[in-house]
């Protein structure tokens, strides 16, 4: 049997048979899919919350620490001319 003949035979078999799924398969798939969506939504919200908290913490640190200011000198210059 050549390739077109095999394809025609497969098409006939697929058209004859009616796809029957177990009735609980659909409900299980919907339940699992909704669970996955809830988990993804929760994970996305937690990541946004973490990003927001990091931005707030960075902003507070910048305001308090003022890292752009030059620290004061730790040694005093020598006193001359006394």
N, C-alpha and C. Protein backbone atom coordinates (compact mmCIF):
# COMPACT_ATOMS: atom_id res chain seq x y z
N UNK A 1 0.85 -1.17 0.00
CA UNK A 1 0.00 0.00 0.00
C UNK A 1 0.89 1.24 0.00
N UNK A 2 0.59 2.15 -0.89
CA UNK A 2 1.40 3.36 -0.98
C UNK A 2 0.93 4.40 0.03
N UNK A 3 1.64 5.49 0.07
CA UNK A 3 1.35 6.53 1.08
C UNK A 3 -0.06 7.11 0.95
N UNK A 4 -0.52 7.51 -0.24
CA UNK A 4 -1.89 8.05 -0.33
C UNK A 4 -2.94 7.02 0.10
N UNK A 5 -2.70 5.76 -0.19
CA UNK A 5 -3.63 4.72 0.22
C UNK A 5 -3.69 4.58 1.73
N UNK A 6 -2.53 4.65 2.36
CA UNK A 6 -2.49 4.57 3.82
C UNK A 6 -3.19 5.77 4.45
N UNK A 7 -2.94 6.96 3.89
CA UNK A 7 -3.59 8.14 4.43
C UNK A 7 -5.10 8.05 4.28
N UNK A 8 -5.57 7.54 3.16
CA UNK A 8 -7.02 7.39 2.95
C UNK A 8 -7.60 6.39 3.94
N UNK A 9 -6.86 5.31 4.21
CA UNK A 9 -7.34 4.30 5.16
C UNK A 9 -7.41 4.89 6.57
N UNK A 10 -6.43 5.66 6.93
CA UNK A 10 -6.42 6.28 8.26
C UNK A 10 -7.57 7.28 8.37
N UNK A 11 -7.81 8.06 7.31
CA UNK A 11 -8.93 9.01 7.34
C UNK A 11 -10.26 8.29 7.51
N UNK A 12 -10.41 7.17 6.83
CA UNK A 12 -11.66 6.40 6.95
C UNK A 12 -11.85 5.90 8.39
N UNK A 13 -10.78 5.41 8.98
CA UNK A 13 -10.87 4.92 10.36
C UNK A 13 -11.21 6.05 11.31
N UNK A 14 -10.59 7.21 11.11
CA UNK A 14 -10.84 8.34 12.01
C UNK A 14 -12.25 8.88 11.83
N UNK A 15 -12.78 8.87 10.61
CA UNK A 15 -14.13 9.36 10.38
C UNK A 15 -15.18 8.40 10.91
N UNK A 16 -14.90 7.11 10.90
CA UNK A 16 -15.86 6.11 11.39
C UNK A 16 -16.01 6.16 12.89
N UNK A 17 -14.89 6.26 13.57
CA UNK A 17 -14.93 6.17 15.03
C UNK A 17 -15.36 7.51 15.62
N UNK A 18 -16.18 7.43 16.62
CA UNK A 18 -16.61 8.61 17.35
C UNK A 18 -15.74 8.71 18.59
N UNK A 19 -15.17 9.89 18.77
CA UNK A 19 -14.29 10.08 19.93
C UNK A 19 -15.14 10.12 21.19
N UNK A 20 -14.91 9.18 22.06
CA UNK A 20 -15.65 9.14 23.31
C UNK A 20 -14.65 9.27 24.45
N UNK A 21 -14.91 10.24 25.27
CA UNK A 21 -14.05 10.46 26.43
C UNK A 21 -14.81 10.08 27.69
N UNK A 22 -14.08 9.67 28.68
CA UNK A 22 -14.74 9.40 29.95
C UNK A 22 -15.39 10.68 30.47
N UNK A 23 -16.58 10.60 31.05
CA UNK A 23 -17.27 11.82 31.49
C UNK A 23 -16.53 12.58 32.59
N UNK A 24 -15.77 11.90 33.41
CA UNK A 24 -15.06 12.61 34.49
C UNK A 24 -13.80 13.30 33.99
N UNK A 25 -13.37 13.01 32.76
CA UNK A 25 -12.15 13.62 32.24
C UNK A 25 -12.31 15.13 32.09
N UNK A 26 -13.44 15.58 31.60
CA UNK A 26 -13.66 17.01 31.41
C UNK A 26 -13.67 17.74 32.75
N UNK A 27 -14.36 17.22 33.73
CA UNK A 27 -14.42 17.89 35.03
C UNK A 27 -13.05 17.91 35.70
N UNK A 28 -12.29 16.82 35.57
CA UNK A 28 -10.94 16.80 36.14
C UNK A 28 -10.05 17.83 35.47
N UNK A 29 -10.16 17.93 34.14
CA UNK A 29 -9.33 18.90 33.41
C UNK A 29 -9.69 20.33 33.80
N UNK A 30 -10.97 20.61 33.95
CA UNK A 30 -11.40 21.95 34.34
C UNK A 30 -10.93 22.26 35.75
N UNK A 31 -11.04 21.31 36.65
CA UNK A 31 -10.61 21.53 38.04
C UNK A 31 -9.11 21.77 38.11
N UNK A 32 -8.35 20.96 37.39
CA UNK A 32 -6.89 21.13 37.42
C UNK A 32 -6.48 22.43 36.75
N UNK A 33 -7.14 22.76 35.66
CA UNK A 33 -6.82 24.01 34.97
C UNK A 33 -7.11 25.22 35.83
N UNK A 34 -8.24 25.20 36.53
CA UNK A 34 -8.55 26.35 37.39
C UNK A 34 -7.57 26.42 38.56
N UNK A 35 -7.12 25.28 39.05
CA UNK A 35 -6.13 25.27 40.12
C UNK A 35 -4.82 25.88 39.63
N UNK A 36 -4.41 25.52 38.43
CA UNK A 36 -3.17 26.07 37.87
C UNK A 36 -3.29 27.58 37.69
N UNK A 37 -4.46 28.02 37.20
CA UNK A 37 -4.65 29.46 37.03
C UNK A 37 -4.61 30.20 38.37
N UNK A 38 -5.22 29.62 39.40
CA UNK A 38 -5.18 30.26 40.72
C UNK A 38 -3.75 30.34 41.24
N UNK A 39 -2.99 29.27 41.06
CA UNK A 39 -1.60 29.28 41.53
C UNK A 39 -0.77 30.32 40.78
N UNK A 40 -0.96 30.41 39.47
CA UNK A 40 -0.21 31.40 38.69
C UNK A 40 -0.58 32.81 39.12
N UNK A 41 -1.86 33.04 39.33
CA UNK A 41 -2.31 34.36 39.76
C UNK A 41 -1.71 34.71 41.12
N UNK A 42 -1.74 33.77 42.04
CA UNK A 42 -1.16 34.00 43.37
C UNK A 42 0.34 34.26 43.27
N UNK A 43 1.03 33.48 42.47
CA UNK A 43 2.48 33.66 42.32
C UNK A 43 2.78 35.03 41.70
N UNK A 44 2.00 35.42 40.69
CA UNK A 44 2.20 36.72 40.07
C UNK A 44 1.96 37.84 41.06
N UNK A 45 0.92 37.74 41.87
CA UNK A 45 0.65 38.78 42.87
C UNK A 45 1.74 38.84 43.92
N UNK A 46 2.24 37.68 44.34
CA UNK A 46 3.32 37.68 45.33
C UNK A 46 4.59 38.30 44.77
N UNK A 47 4.89 38.03 43.52
CA UNK A 47 6.08 38.62 42.91
C UNK A 47 5.94 40.14 42.78
N UNK A 48 4.76 40.62 42.40
CA UNK A 48 4.55 42.07 42.34
C UNK A 48 4.67 42.69 43.73
N UNK A 49 4.12 42.01 44.74
CA UNK A 49 4.23 42.52 46.11
C UNK A 49 5.69 42.57 46.55
N UNK A 50 6.46 41.54 46.22
CA UNK A 50 7.88 41.52 46.55
C UNK A 50 8.63 42.64 45.84
N UNK A 51 8.31 42.86 44.58
CA UNK A 51 8.95 43.94 43.83
C UNK A 51 8.61 45.30 44.43
N UNK A 52 7.34 45.49 44.81
CA UNK A 52 6.92 46.74 45.41
C UNK A 52 7.62 46.96 46.75
N UNK A 53 7.71 45.90 47.57
CA UNK A 53 8.38 46.01 48.87
C UNK A 53 9.86 46.33 48.69
N UNK A 54 10.50 45.73 47.70
CA UNK A 54 11.91 46.01 47.44
C UNK A 54 12.09 47.47 47.01
N UNK A 55 11.19 47.98 46.19
CA UNK A 55 11.29 49.37 45.76
C UNK A 55 11.10 50.32 46.93
N UNK A 56 10.16 50.03 47.81
CA UNK A 56 9.93 50.87 48.99
C UNK A 56 11.15 50.81 49.91
N UNK A 57 11.68 49.61 50.14
CA UNK A 57 12.85 49.47 51.01
C UNK A 57 14.05 50.22 50.44
N UNK A 58 14.25 50.15 49.12
CA UNK A 58 15.35 50.87 48.49
C UNK A 58 15.16 52.37 48.64
N UNK A 59 13.94 52.83 48.45
CA UNK A 59 13.66 54.26 48.57
C UNK A 59 13.91 54.75 50.00
N UNK A 60 13.47 54.00 50.97
CA UNK A 60 13.71 54.38 52.37
C UNK A 60 15.19 54.38 52.67
N UNK A 61 15.92 53.40 52.19
CA UNK A 61 17.37 53.35 52.43
C UNK A 61 18.07 54.55 51.80
N UNK A 62 17.66 54.91 50.59
CA UNK A 62 18.29 56.05 49.92
C UNK A 62 18.02 57.35 50.68
N UNK A 63 16.79 57.50 51.18
CA UNK A 63 16.46 58.73 51.91
C UNK A 63 17.22 58.80 53.23
N UNK A 64 17.34 57.67 53.91
CA UNK A 64 17.98 57.66 55.23
C UNK A 64 19.51 57.70 55.11
N UNK A 65 20.08 56.89 54.26
CA UNK A 65 21.54 56.75 54.21
C UNK A 65 22.21 57.83 53.39
N UNK A 66 21.52 58.41 52.44
CA UNK A 66 22.09 59.41 51.53
C UNK A 66 23.45 58.95 51.01
N UNK A 67 23.49 57.91 50.17
CA UNK A 67 24.76 57.36 49.71
C UNK A 67 25.53 58.29 48.77
N UNK A 68 24.92 59.35 48.28
CA UNK A 68 25.62 60.26 47.38
C UNK A 68 26.46 61.29 48.12
N UNK A 69 26.30 61.39 49.45
CA UNK A 69 27.05 62.37 50.25
C UNK A 69 28.42 61.79 50.58
N UNK A 70 29.43 62.63 50.46
CA UNK A 70 30.79 62.20 50.78
C UNK A 70 30.90 62.07 52.29
N UNK A 71 31.41 60.94 52.78
CA UNK A 71 31.52 60.78 54.23
C UNK A 71 32.55 61.75 54.81
N UNK A 72 32.38 62.13 56.05
CA UNK A 72 33.35 63.06 56.66
C UNK A 72 34.72 62.39 56.83
N UNK A 73 35.71 63.23 56.83
CA UNK A 73 37.07 62.73 56.96
C UNK A 73 37.27 62.16 58.37
N UNK A 74 38.00 61.08 58.45
CA UNK A 74 38.20 60.44 59.74
C UNK A 74 39.43 60.97 60.46
N UNK A 75 40.28 61.65 59.75
CA UNK A 75 41.47 62.23 60.39
C UNK A 75 41.38 63.75 60.31
N UNK A 76 41.92 64.39 61.29
CA UNK A 76 41.92 65.87 61.28
C UNK A 76 43.22 66.38 60.69
N UNK A 77 43.16 67.50 60.05
CA UNK A 77 44.40 68.03 59.47
C UNK A 77 45.34 68.49 60.61
N UNK A 78 46.61 68.47 60.37
CA UNK A 78 47.55 68.90 61.43
C UNK A 78 47.40 70.40 61.71
N UNK A 79 47.52 70.75 62.96
CA UNK A 79 47.46 72.13 63.35
C UNK A 79 48.85 72.74 63.24
N UNK A 80 49.01 73.72 62.42
CA UNK A 80 50.30 74.40 62.27
C UNK A 80 50.09 75.90 62.52
N UNK A 81 51.12 76.56 62.90
CA UNK A 81 51.07 78.00 63.11
C UNK A 81 50.61 78.39 64.51
N UNK A 82 50.76 77.55 65.45
CA UNK A 82 50.40 77.90 66.82
C UNK A 82 51.51 78.59 67.45
